[in-house]
N, C-alpha and C. Protein backbone atom coordinates (compact mmCIF):
# COMPACT_ATOMS: atom_id res chain seq x y z
N UNK A 1 -14.87 -8.72 5.47
CA UNK A 1 -14.11 -8.77 4.21
C UNK A 1 -15.00 -8.06 3.13
N UNK A 2 -14.38 -7.11 2.47
CA UNK A 2 -15.07 -6.41 1.37
C UNK A 2 -14.31 -6.70 0.07
N UNK A 3 -15.10 -6.82 -1.04
CA UNK A 3 -14.55 -7.09 -2.34
C UNK A 3 -14.94 -6.00 -3.30
N UNK A 4 -13.95 -5.69 -4.21
CA UNK A 4 -14.20 -4.66 -5.07
C UNK A 4 -14.74 -5.31 -6.42
N UNK A 5 -15.33 -4.55 -7.26
CA UNK A 5 -15.63 -5.05 -8.54
C UNK A 5 -14.32 -5.26 -9.37
N UNK A 6 -14.45 -6.20 -10.35
CA UNK A 6 -13.21 -6.40 -11.10
C UNK A 6 -12.66 -5.08 -11.76
N UNK A 7 -11.31 -5.04 -11.83
CA UNK A 7 -10.60 -3.96 -12.54
C UNK A 7 -9.80 -4.65 -13.61
N UNK A 8 -9.29 -3.94 -14.57
CA UNK A 8 -8.51 -4.51 -15.66
C UNK A 8 -7.04 -4.09 -15.56
N UNK A 9 -6.07 -5.11 -15.59
CA UNK A 9 -4.67 -4.78 -15.47
C UNK A 9 -4.15 -4.43 -17.06
N UNK A 10 -3.04 -3.94 -17.05
CA UNK A 10 -2.43 -3.48 -18.27
C UNK A 10 -2.48 -4.58 -19.45
N UNK A 11 -2.35 -5.83 -18.98
CA UNK A 11 -2.42 -6.92 -20.02
C UNK A 11 -3.88 -7.46 -20.27
N UNK A 12 -4.81 -6.74 -19.72
CA UNK A 12 -6.27 -7.09 -19.92
C UNK A 12 -6.81 -8.05 -18.95
N UNK A 13 -5.94 -8.57 -18.10
CA UNK A 13 -6.44 -9.57 -17.09
C UNK A 13 -7.33 -8.81 -15.96
N UNK A 14 -8.34 -9.48 -15.60
CA UNK A 14 -9.21 -8.92 -14.53
C UNK A 14 -8.48 -9.08 -13.14
N UNK A 15 -8.61 -8.07 -12.30
CA UNK A 15 -8.03 -8.08 -10.99
C UNK A 15 -9.10 -7.65 -10.02
N UNK A 16 -9.01 -8.09 -8.81
CA UNK A 16 -9.96 -7.71 -7.75
C UNK A 16 -9.29 -7.34 -6.53
N UNK A 17 -9.70 -6.36 -5.80
CA UNK A 17 -9.16 -5.97 -4.49
C UNK A 17 -10.07 -6.50 -3.36
N UNK A 18 -9.57 -7.02 -2.31
CA UNK A 18 -10.32 -7.41 -1.15
C UNK A 18 -9.73 -6.73 0.13
N UNK A 19 -10.59 -6.16 0.98
CA UNK A 19 -10.06 -5.72 2.20
C UNK A 19 -10.12 -6.74 3.23
N UNK A 20 -8.95 -7.03 3.76
CA UNK A 20 -8.88 -8.11 4.82
C UNK A 20 -8.26 -7.61 6.09
N UNK A 21 -8.49 -8.25 7.20
CA UNK A 21 -7.77 -7.89 8.40
C UNK A 21 -6.24 -8.29 8.24
N UNK A 22 -5.47 -7.59 8.99
CA UNK A 22 -3.99 -7.90 9.05
C UNK A 22 -3.75 -9.30 9.46
N UNK A 23 -4.65 -9.89 10.27
CA UNK A 23 -4.38 -11.24 10.87
C UNK A 23 -4.94 -12.32 9.93
N UNK A 24 -5.58 -11.93 8.83
CA UNK A 24 -6.11 -12.98 7.89
C UNK A 24 -5.02 -13.83 7.36
N UNK A 25 -5.12 -15.11 7.21
CA UNK A 25 -3.95 -15.88 6.71
C UNK A 25 -3.48 -15.56 5.25
N UNK A 26 -4.35 -15.07 4.45
CA UNK A 26 -3.95 -14.58 3.10
C UNK A 26 -3.09 -13.35 3.28
N UNK A 27 -3.51 -12.41 4.12
CA UNK A 27 -2.66 -11.25 4.42
C UNK A 27 -1.34 -11.58 5.08
N UNK A 28 -1.33 -12.52 6.05
CA UNK A 28 -0.15 -12.82 6.68
C UNK A 28 0.80 -13.64 5.71
N UNK A 29 0.27 -14.35 4.72
CA UNK A 29 1.20 -14.91 3.78
C UNK A 29 1.87 -13.87 2.91
N UNK A 30 1.13 -12.89 2.41
CA UNK A 30 1.72 -11.81 1.55
C UNK A 30 2.64 -11.01 2.48
N UNK A 31 2.36 -10.64 3.66
CA UNK A 31 3.32 -9.88 4.56
C UNK A 31 4.58 -10.68 4.71
N UNK A 32 4.47 -12.07 4.86
CA UNK A 32 5.63 -12.91 4.92
C UNK A 32 6.48 -12.79 3.61
N UNK A 33 5.89 -12.72 2.52
CA UNK A 33 6.58 -12.63 1.32
C UNK A 33 7.33 -11.35 1.23
N UNK A 34 6.72 -10.20 1.74
CA UNK A 34 7.37 -8.91 1.79
C UNK A 34 8.50 -9.09 2.66
N UNK A 35 8.43 -9.62 3.85
CA UNK A 35 9.49 -9.73 4.75
C UNK A 35 10.74 -10.54 4.18
N UNK A 36 10.30 -11.57 3.49
CA UNK A 36 11.41 -12.42 2.85
C UNK A 36 12.19 -11.60 1.85
N UNK A 37 11.44 -10.77 1.01
CA UNK A 37 12.16 -9.85 0.07
C UNK A 37 13.06 -8.91 0.85
N UNK A 38 12.70 -8.34 1.90
CA UNK A 38 13.53 -7.43 2.76
C UNK A 38 14.83 -8.13 3.17
N UNK A 39 14.56 -9.43 3.64
CA UNK A 39 15.78 -10.20 3.96
C UNK A 39 16.69 -10.37 2.85
N UNK A 40 16.25 -10.73 1.71
CA UNK A 40 17.05 -10.84 0.50
C UNK A 40 17.84 -9.54 0.23
N UNK A 41 17.07 -8.41 0.21
CA UNK A 41 17.71 -7.15 -0.25
C UNK A 41 18.52 -6.46 0.83
N UNK A 42 18.14 -6.61 2.12
CA UNK A 42 18.78 -5.86 3.19
C UNK A 42 19.37 -6.59 4.27
N UNK A 43 19.18 -7.98 4.16
CA UNK A 43 19.76 -8.82 5.31
C UNK A 43 18.99 -9.01 6.52
N UNK A 44 17.74 -8.48 6.47
CA UNK A 44 16.80 -8.58 7.66
C UNK A 44 15.48 -8.14 7.36
N UNK A 45 14.44 -8.59 8.18
CA UNK A 45 13.15 -8.02 7.90
C UNK A 45 12.95 -6.62 8.45
N UNK A 46 11.88 -5.93 8.09
CA UNK A 46 11.48 -4.71 8.48
C UNK A 46 11.30 -4.67 10.00
N UNK A 47 11.99 -3.73 10.67
CA UNK A 47 12.02 -3.63 12.12
C UNK A 47 10.97 -2.74 12.65
N UNK A 48 10.17 -2.00 11.78
CA UNK A 48 9.23 -1.13 12.20
C UNK A 48 8.05 -1.84 12.89
N UNK A 49 7.72 -1.34 14.04
CA UNK A 49 6.53 -1.97 14.76
C UNK A 49 5.23 -1.70 14.10
N UNK A 50 4.48 -2.83 14.03
CA UNK A 50 3.18 -2.81 13.30
C UNK A 50 2.13 -3.38 14.26
N UNK A 51 1.15 -2.58 14.60
CA UNK A 51 -0.08 -3.03 15.35
C UNK A 51 -1.14 -3.32 14.38
N UNK A 52 -1.51 -4.57 14.24
CA UNK A 52 -2.51 -4.87 13.26
C UNK A 52 -3.76 -4.16 13.28
N UNK A 53 -4.14 -3.66 14.49
CA UNK A 53 -5.38 -2.86 14.65
C UNK A 53 -5.32 -1.50 13.93
N UNK A 54 -4.05 -1.00 13.69
CA UNK A 54 -3.90 0.10 12.94
C UNK A 54 -4.35 0.10 11.50
N UNK A 55 -4.57 -1.14 11.03
CA UNK A 55 -5.01 -1.20 9.61
C UNK A 55 -6.38 -1.66 9.52
N UNK A 56 -7.17 -1.45 10.55
CA UNK A 56 -8.59 -1.77 10.52
C UNK A 56 -9.39 -0.44 10.24
N UNK A 57 -10.33 -0.49 9.33
CA UNK A 57 -11.19 0.70 9.04
C UNK A 57 -11.87 1.17 10.34
N UNK A 58 -12.07 2.45 10.57
CA UNK A 58 -11.74 3.51 9.64
C UNK A 58 -10.46 4.16 9.82
N UNK A 59 -9.61 3.61 10.72
CA UNK A 59 -8.25 4.16 10.98
C UNK A 59 -7.21 3.71 10.05
N UNK A 60 -7.45 2.66 9.22
CA UNK A 60 -6.60 2.16 8.27
C UNK A 60 -7.23 1.23 7.28
N UNK A 61 -6.42 0.53 6.50
CA UNK A 61 -6.95 -0.40 5.49
C UNK A 61 -5.93 -1.35 4.98
N UNK A 62 -6.29 -2.63 4.92
CA UNK A 62 -5.27 -3.64 4.42
C UNK A 62 -5.98 -4.25 3.15
N UNK A 63 -5.35 -4.12 2.01
CA UNK A 63 -5.92 -4.62 0.72
C UNK A 63 -5.07 -5.76 0.16
N UNK A 64 -5.85 -6.71 -0.45
CA UNK A 64 -5.15 -7.73 -1.18
C UNK A 64 -5.64 -7.70 -2.59
N UNK A 65 -4.61 -7.77 -3.55
CA UNK A 65 -4.97 -7.82 -5.00
C UNK A 65 -5.01 -9.32 -5.42
N UNK A 66 -6.02 -9.69 -6.13
CA UNK A 66 -6.18 -10.98 -6.73
C UNK A 66 -6.34 -11.08 -8.23
N UNK A 67 -5.66 -11.97 -8.84
CA UNK A 67 -5.82 -12.23 -10.25
C UNK A 67 -6.19 -13.69 -10.44
N UNK A 68 -7.28 -13.86 -11.14
CA UNK A 68 -7.82 -15.27 -11.33
C UNK A 68 -7.86 -15.96 -9.96
N UNK A 69 -8.37 -15.31 -8.94
CA UNK A 69 -8.60 -15.74 -7.65
C UNK A 69 -7.35 -16.01 -6.83
N UNK A 70 -6.15 -15.69 -7.34
CA UNK A 70 -4.83 -15.92 -6.75
C UNK A 70 -4.38 -14.62 -6.07
N UNK A 71 -4.09 -14.58 -4.73
CA UNK A 71 -3.51 -13.38 -4.13
C UNK A 71 -2.17 -13.14 -4.67
N UNK A 72 -2.04 -11.96 -5.33
CA UNK A 72 -0.79 -11.61 -6.01
C UNK A 72 -0.12 -10.31 -5.51
N UNK A 73 -0.77 -9.56 -4.61
CA UNK A 73 -0.18 -8.40 -4.02
C UNK A 73 -1.05 -7.92 -2.83
N UNK A 74 -0.49 -6.79 -2.22
CA UNK A 74 -1.11 -6.26 -1.07
C UNK A 74 -0.57 -4.88 -0.91
N UNK A 75 -1.23 -4.15 -0.04
CA UNK A 75 -0.79 -2.94 0.48
C UNK A 75 -1.72 -2.38 1.57
N UNK A 76 -1.24 -1.41 2.36
CA UNK A 76 -2.11 -0.98 3.40
C UNK A 76 -1.73 0.50 3.69
N UNK A 77 -2.70 1.10 4.49
CA UNK A 77 -2.34 2.42 5.07
C UNK A 77 -2.88 2.43 6.52
N UNK A 78 -2.21 3.34 7.28
CA UNK A 78 -2.60 3.55 8.66
C UNK A 78 -2.31 5.05 8.95
N UNK A 79 -3.16 5.49 9.92
CA UNK A 79 -3.03 6.99 10.35
C UNK A 79 -1.76 7.04 11.19
N UNK A 80 -0.90 8.05 10.90
CA UNK A 80 0.24 8.18 11.72
C UNK A 80 0.30 9.43 12.57
N UNK A 81 -0.43 10.45 12.04
CA UNK A 81 -0.74 11.71 12.73
C UNK A 81 -1.84 12.34 12.14
N UNK A 82 -2.44 13.49 12.68
CA UNK A 82 -3.71 13.98 12.04
C UNK A 82 -3.39 14.35 10.59
N UNK A 83 -4.26 13.92 9.88
CA UNK A 83 -4.39 14.21 8.39
C UNK A 83 -3.24 13.55 7.56
N UNK A 84 -2.52 12.65 8.12
CA UNK A 84 -1.40 12.03 7.48
C UNK A 84 -1.55 10.46 7.65
N UNK A 85 -1.54 9.82 6.46
CA UNK A 85 -1.61 8.37 6.42
C UNK A 85 -0.22 7.79 5.96
N UNK A 86 0.12 6.58 6.47
CA UNK A 86 1.48 5.98 6.00
C UNK A 86 1.07 4.77 5.12
N UNK A 87 1.62 4.65 3.94
CA UNK A 87 1.46 3.48 3.14
C UNK A 87 2.46 2.49 3.59
N UNK A 88 1.99 1.17 3.89
CA UNK A 88 2.82 0.10 4.27
C UNK A 88 2.54 -1.16 3.47
N UNK A 89 3.62 -1.99 3.42
CA UNK A 89 3.45 -3.28 2.93
C UNK A 89 3.01 -3.40 1.42
N UNK A 90 3.29 -2.41 0.60
CA UNK A 90 2.98 -2.43 -0.76
C UNK A 90 3.82 -3.55 -1.36
N UNK A 91 3.32 -4.60 -1.96
CA UNK A 91 4.05 -5.64 -2.45
C UNK A 91 3.30 -6.32 -3.67
N UNK A 92 4.05 -6.78 -4.61
CA UNK A 92 3.46 -7.59 -5.70
C UNK A 92 4.38 -8.82 -5.99
N UNK A 93 3.80 -9.89 -6.09
CA UNK A 93 4.62 -11.17 -6.35
C UNK A 93 5.43 -10.96 -7.52
N UNK A 94 6.68 -11.48 -7.55
CA UNK A 94 7.54 -11.31 -8.82
C UNK A 94 6.86 -11.72 -10.13
N UNK A 95 6.13 -12.66 -10.26
CA UNK A 95 5.60 -13.09 -11.49
C UNK A 95 4.45 -12.27 -11.89
N UNK A 96 4.03 -11.27 -11.19
CA UNK A 96 2.89 -10.39 -11.46
C UNK A 96 3.26 -8.99 -11.56
N UNK A 97 4.60 -8.68 -11.51
CA UNK A 97 4.97 -7.25 -11.56
C UNK A 97 4.91 -6.74 -13.00
N UNK A 98 4.91 -5.42 -13.07
CA UNK A 98 4.78 -4.70 -14.33
C UNK A 98 3.51 -4.90 -15.10
N UNK A 99 2.39 -5.32 -14.38
CA UNK A 99 1.03 -5.45 -14.97
C UNK A 99 0.10 -4.50 -14.49
N UNK A 100 0.53 -3.61 -13.63
CA UNK A 100 -0.33 -2.59 -13.04
C UNK A 100 -1.00 -2.87 -11.68
N UNK A 101 -0.59 -4.03 -11.05
CA UNK A 101 -1.17 -4.44 -9.85
C UNK A 101 -0.78 -3.45 -8.70
N UNK A 102 0.47 -3.04 -8.62
CA UNK A 102 0.89 -2.06 -7.65
C UNK A 102 0.11 -0.70 -7.80
N UNK A 103 0.01 -0.31 -9.01
CA UNK A 103 -0.78 0.96 -9.26
C UNK A 103 -2.19 0.81 -8.84
N UNK A 104 -2.82 -0.27 -9.13
CA UNK A 104 -4.23 -0.55 -8.67
C UNK A 104 -4.37 -0.43 -7.19
N UNK A 105 -3.44 -1.05 -6.45
CA UNK A 105 -3.47 -1.13 -4.99
C UNK A 105 -3.17 0.36 -4.52
N UNK A 106 -2.15 0.94 -5.00
CA UNK A 106 -1.75 2.27 -4.54
C UNK A 106 -2.93 3.38 -4.68
N UNK A 107 -3.60 3.25 -5.92
CA UNK A 107 -4.65 4.25 -6.16
C UNK A 107 -5.77 3.93 -5.20
N UNK A 108 -6.05 2.70 -4.87
CA UNK A 108 -7.16 2.42 -3.88
C UNK A 108 -6.81 2.84 -2.51
N UNK A 109 -5.61 2.64 -2.14
CA UNK A 109 -5.08 3.05 -0.81
C UNK A 109 -5.16 4.65 -0.69
N UNK A 110 -4.67 5.27 -1.64
CA UNK A 110 -4.77 6.85 -1.62
C UNK A 110 -6.09 7.26 -1.58
N UNK A 111 -6.99 6.73 -2.39
CA UNK A 111 -8.37 7.18 -2.39
C UNK A 111 -9.05 6.93 -1.08
N UNK A 112 -8.83 5.79 -0.48
CA UNK A 112 -9.42 5.49 0.81
C UNK A 112 -8.92 6.34 1.77
N UNK A 113 -7.61 6.61 1.91
CA UNK A 113 -7.02 7.55 2.94
C UNK A 113 -7.61 9.00 2.68
N UNK A 114 -7.80 9.40 1.50
CA UNK A 114 -8.38 10.69 1.25
C UNK A 114 -9.90 10.68 1.79
N UNK A 115 -10.64 9.65 1.47
CA UNK A 115 -12.03 9.73 1.93
C UNK A 115 -12.03 9.68 3.51
N UNK A 116 -11.01 9.13 4.14
CA UNK A 116 -10.97 9.07 5.65
C UNK A 116 -10.49 10.39 6.21
N UNK A 117 -10.30 11.40 5.30
CA UNK A 117 -9.91 12.72 5.79
C UNK A 117 -8.46 13.06 5.77
N UNK A 118 -7.54 12.15 5.24
CA UNK A 118 -6.18 12.41 5.19
C UNK A 118 -5.81 13.39 4.02
N UNK A 119 -4.90 14.24 4.34
CA UNK A 119 -4.45 15.28 3.25
C UNK A 119 -3.17 14.83 2.61
N UNK A 120 -2.43 13.99 3.13
CA UNK A 120 -1.25 13.56 2.59
C UNK A 120 -0.92 12.03 3.01
N UNK A 121 -0.06 11.41 2.19
CA UNK A 121 0.46 10.09 2.54
C UNK A 121 1.98 10.12 2.58
N UNK A 122 2.49 9.29 3.35
CA UNK A 122 3.95 9.11 3.55
C UNK A 122 4.33 7.64 3.49
N UNK A 123 5.62 7.38 3.19
CA UNK A 123 6.06 6.03 3.17
C UNK A 123 7.55 5.98 3.33
N UNK A 124 8.12 4.85 3.70
CA UNK A 124 9.50 4.74 3.61
C UNK A 124 9.82 3.35 2.86
N UNK A 125 10.86 3.47 2.09
CA UNK A 125 11.28 2.23 1.34
C UNK A 125 12.85 2.30 1.43
N UNK A 126 13.63 1.60 0.61
CA UNK A 126 14.99 1.58 0.77
C UNK A 126 15.72 1.74 -0.61
N UNK A 127 17.00 2.14 -0.54
CA UNK A 127 17.67 2.41 -1.74
C UNK A 127 18.10 1.13 -2.55
N UNK A 128 17.76 -0.07 -2.09
CA UNK A 128 18.01 -1.32 -2.74
C UNK A 128 16.79 -1.82 -3.42
N UNK A 129 15.79 -0.85 -3.53
CA UNK A 129 14.47 -1.18 -4.28
C UNK A 129 14.32 -0.14 -5.47
N UNK A 130 15.22 -0.16 -6.47
CA UNK A 130 15.10 0.86 -7.49
C UNK A 130 13.88 0.82 -8.16
N UNK A 131 13.19 -0.30 -8.39
CA UNK A 131 11.89 -0.34 -9.07
C UNK A 131 10.85 0.29 -8.22
N UNK A 132 10.91 0.24 -6.91
CA UNK A 132 9.90 0.87 -6.07
C UNK A 132 10.17 2.36 -6.10
N UNK A 133 11.35 2.87 -6.02
CA UNK A 133 11.63 4.22 -6.13
C UNK A 133 11.21 4.93 -7.46
N UNK A 134 11.39 4.06 -8.55
CA UNK A 134 10.90 4.58 -9.85
C UNK A 134 9.35 4.68 -9.86
N UNK A 135 8.74 3.62 -9.34
CA UNK A 135 7.17 3.46 -9.26
C UNK A 135 6.70 4.72 -8.51
N UNK A 136 7.21 5.04 -7.29
CA UNK A 136 6.72 6.02 -6.43
C UNK A 136 6.94 7.42 -7.07
N UNK A 137 8.14 7.58 -7.69
CA UNK A 137 8.35 8.86 -8.40
C UNK A 137 7.40 9.08 -9.44
N UNK A 138 7.07 8.05 -10.21
CA UNK A 138 6.05 8.12 -11.33
C UNK A 138 4.75 8.49 -10.65
N UNK A 139 4.43 7.99 -9.54
CA UNK A 139 3.13 8.25 -8.92
C UNK A 139 3.05 9.60 -8.27
N UNK A 140 4.10 10.42 -8.27
CA UNK A 140 4.09 11.77 -7.72
C UNK A 140 4.71 11.91 -6.36
N UNK A 141 5.32 10.96 -5.84
CA UNK A 141 5.95 11.00 -4.50
C UNK A 141 7.23 11.67 -4.61
N UNK A 142 7.59 12.42 -3.54
CA UNK A 142 8.77 13.26 -3.46
C UNK A 142 9.41 12.97 -2.13
N UNK A 143 10.75 13.27 -2.05
CA UNK A 143 11.49 13.08 -0.73
C UNK A 143 10.91 13.98 0.34
N UNK A 144 10.88 13.38 1.61
CA UNK A 144 10.43 14.06 2.71
C UNK A 144 11.43 13.72 3.82
N UNK A 145 11.37 14.49 5.10
CA UNK A 145 12.27 14.08 6.08
C UNK A 145 11.95 12.69 6.67
N UNK A 146 13.05 12.10 7.20
CA UNK A 146 12.88 10.79 7.74
C UNK A 146 12.01 10.80 8.97
N UNK A 147 11.41 9.58 9.24
CA UNK A 147 10.68 9.45 10.48
C UNK A 147 10.81 8.06 10.96
N UNK A 148 10.41 7.77 12.17
CA UNK A 148 10.31 6.41 12.72
C UNK A 148 11.63 5.76 12.92
N UNK A 149 11.54 4.42 13.11
CA UNK A 149 12.72 3.59 13.40
C UNK A 149 13.82 3.69 12.47
N UNK A 150 13.60 4.11 11.19
CA UNK A 150 14.52 4.23 10.17
C UNK A 150 14.91 5.65 9.81
N UNK A 151 14.57 6.61 10.69
CA UNK A 151 14.88 8.04 10.44
C UNK A 151 16.30 8.39 10.01
N UNK A 152 17.20 7.66 10.57
CA UNK A 152 18.66 7.95 10.41
C UNK A 152 19.32 6.84 9.62
N UNK A 153 18.57 5.89 9.16
CA UNK A 153 19.20 4.69 8.49
C UNK A 153 19.81 5.12 7.15
N UNK A 154 20.98 4.71 6.93
CA UNK A 154 21.59 5.20 5.62
C UNK A 154 20.93 4.71 4.31
N UNK A 155 20.22 3.55 4.31
CA UNK A 155 19.65 3.07 3.13
C UNK A 155 18.23 3.43 2.96
N UNK A 156 17.68 4.10 4.01
CA UNK A 156 16.17 4.45 4.02
C UNK A 156 15.93 5.63 3.09
N UNK A 157 14.78 5.53 2.42
CA UNK A 157 14.30 6.58 1.63
C UNK A 157 12.88 6.89 2.09
N UNK A 158 12.63 8.19 2.33
CA UNK A 158 11.29 8.63 2.75
C UNK A 158 10.58 9.46 1.66
N UNK A 159 9.39 9.17 1.38
CA UNK A 159 8.64 9.84 0.31
C UNK A 159 7.26 10.19 0.81
N UNK A 160 6.73 11.25 0.20
CA UNK A 160 5.39 11.63 0.49
C UNK A 160 4.71 12.27 -0.69
N UNK A 161 3.38 12.54 -0.51
CA UNK A 161 2.48 13.08 -1.55
C UNK A 161 1.33 13.68 -0.87
N UNK A 162 0.98 14.90 -1.40
CA UNK A 162 -0.35 15.35 -1.04
C UNK A 162 -1.48 14.64 -1.76
N UNK A 163 -2.57 14.45 -1.07
CA UNK A 163 -3.74 13.87 -1.73
C UNK A 163 -4.68 14.93 -2.18
N UNK A 164 -5.40 14.61 -3.26
CA UNK A 164 -6.35 15.67 -3.80
C UNK A 164 -7.44 15.90 -2.74
N UNK A 165 -7.91 17.18 -2.70
CA UNK A 165 -8.94 17.61 -1.73
C UNK A 165 -10.26 17.05 -2.20
N UNK A 166 -10.52 16.91 -3.44
CA UNK A 166 -11.79 16.43 -3.96
C UNK A 166 -11.58 14.99 -4.26
N UNK A 167 -12.32 14.13 -3.60
CA UNK A 167 -12.20 12.63 -3.87
C UNK A 167 -13.26 12.28 -4.90
N UNK A 168 -13.86 11.16 -4.81
CA UNK A 168 -14.86 10.72 -5.81
C UNK A 168 -16.06 11.74 -5.90
N UNK A 169 -16.38 12.11 -7.13
CA UNK A 169 -17.50 13.07 -7.46
C UNK A 169 -18.80 12.20 -7.10
N UNK A 170 -18.85 11.00 -7.49
CA UNK A 170 -19.95 10.05 -7.35
C UNK A 170 -19.80 9.19 -6.24
N UNK A 171 -20.30 9.57 -5.05
CA UNK A 171 -20.06 8.63 -3.78
C UNK A 171 -20.77 7.34 -3.93
N UNK A 172 -21.70 7.21 -4.83
CA UNK A 172 -22.25 5.78 -5.01
C UNK A 172 -21.24 4.86 -5.60
N UNK A 173 -20.09 5.35 -6.14
CA UNK A 173 -19.08 4.49 -6.82
C UNK A 173 -17.97 4.17 -5.84
N UNK A 174 -18.17 4.57 -4.57
CA UNK A 174 -17.14 4.15 -3.62
C UNK A 174 -16.98 2.67 -3.47
N UNK A 175 -15.75 2.20 -3.38
CA UNK A 175 -15.52 0.76 -3.05
C UNK A 175 -16.04 0.44 -1.68
N UNK A 176 -16.32 -0.84 -1.46
CA UNK A 176 -17.00 -1.20 -0.27
C UNK A 176 -16.12 -0.98 1.00
N UNK A 177 -14.75 -0.85 0.86
CA UNK A 177 -14.01 -0.63 2.02
C UNK A 177 -13.67 0.88 2.33
N UNK A 178 -14.24 1.77 1.49
CA UNK A 178 -14.01 3.22 1.62
C UNK A 178 -14.42 3.64 3.02
N UNK A 179 -13.61 4.47 3.64
CA UNK A 179 -13.90 4.87 5.02
C UNK A 179 -14.91 6.00 5.01
């Protein structure tokens, strides 16, 4: 487990990112919350197959965001083909949304994927998550062709983004989970 230095959210609260295994009980609790939200919005959980080993460094990463020691969000990336990483399980607990937690997690995921040699990131979400669609659009994501189990699903939305070629100028500032 790796822990980042504290970061500050929009409301001034300190937040911390921790790299955990996908099997960790904290990670599993947050993934369970993500799945419950999918059930509420779409009538069922995410059917995409996930191999927990895909989220282990250096091939991937699973992060948990904590505020005041409480796990409030998560996100992960995994390699899906050469130079392309897929963002998965980006989630923030309802009481902590609109504070900058998702942006903190997404920035760390993108930076880690770039350090691991990926040139772009992709993801899929759904049309019943307008707040996620707005968030990704603001973060520079644009529509891409569908892929995977939901490639032809009518409610699926596929987005992607090129990563910057130059990552951190000062490698000594890399977070402990950087690949």
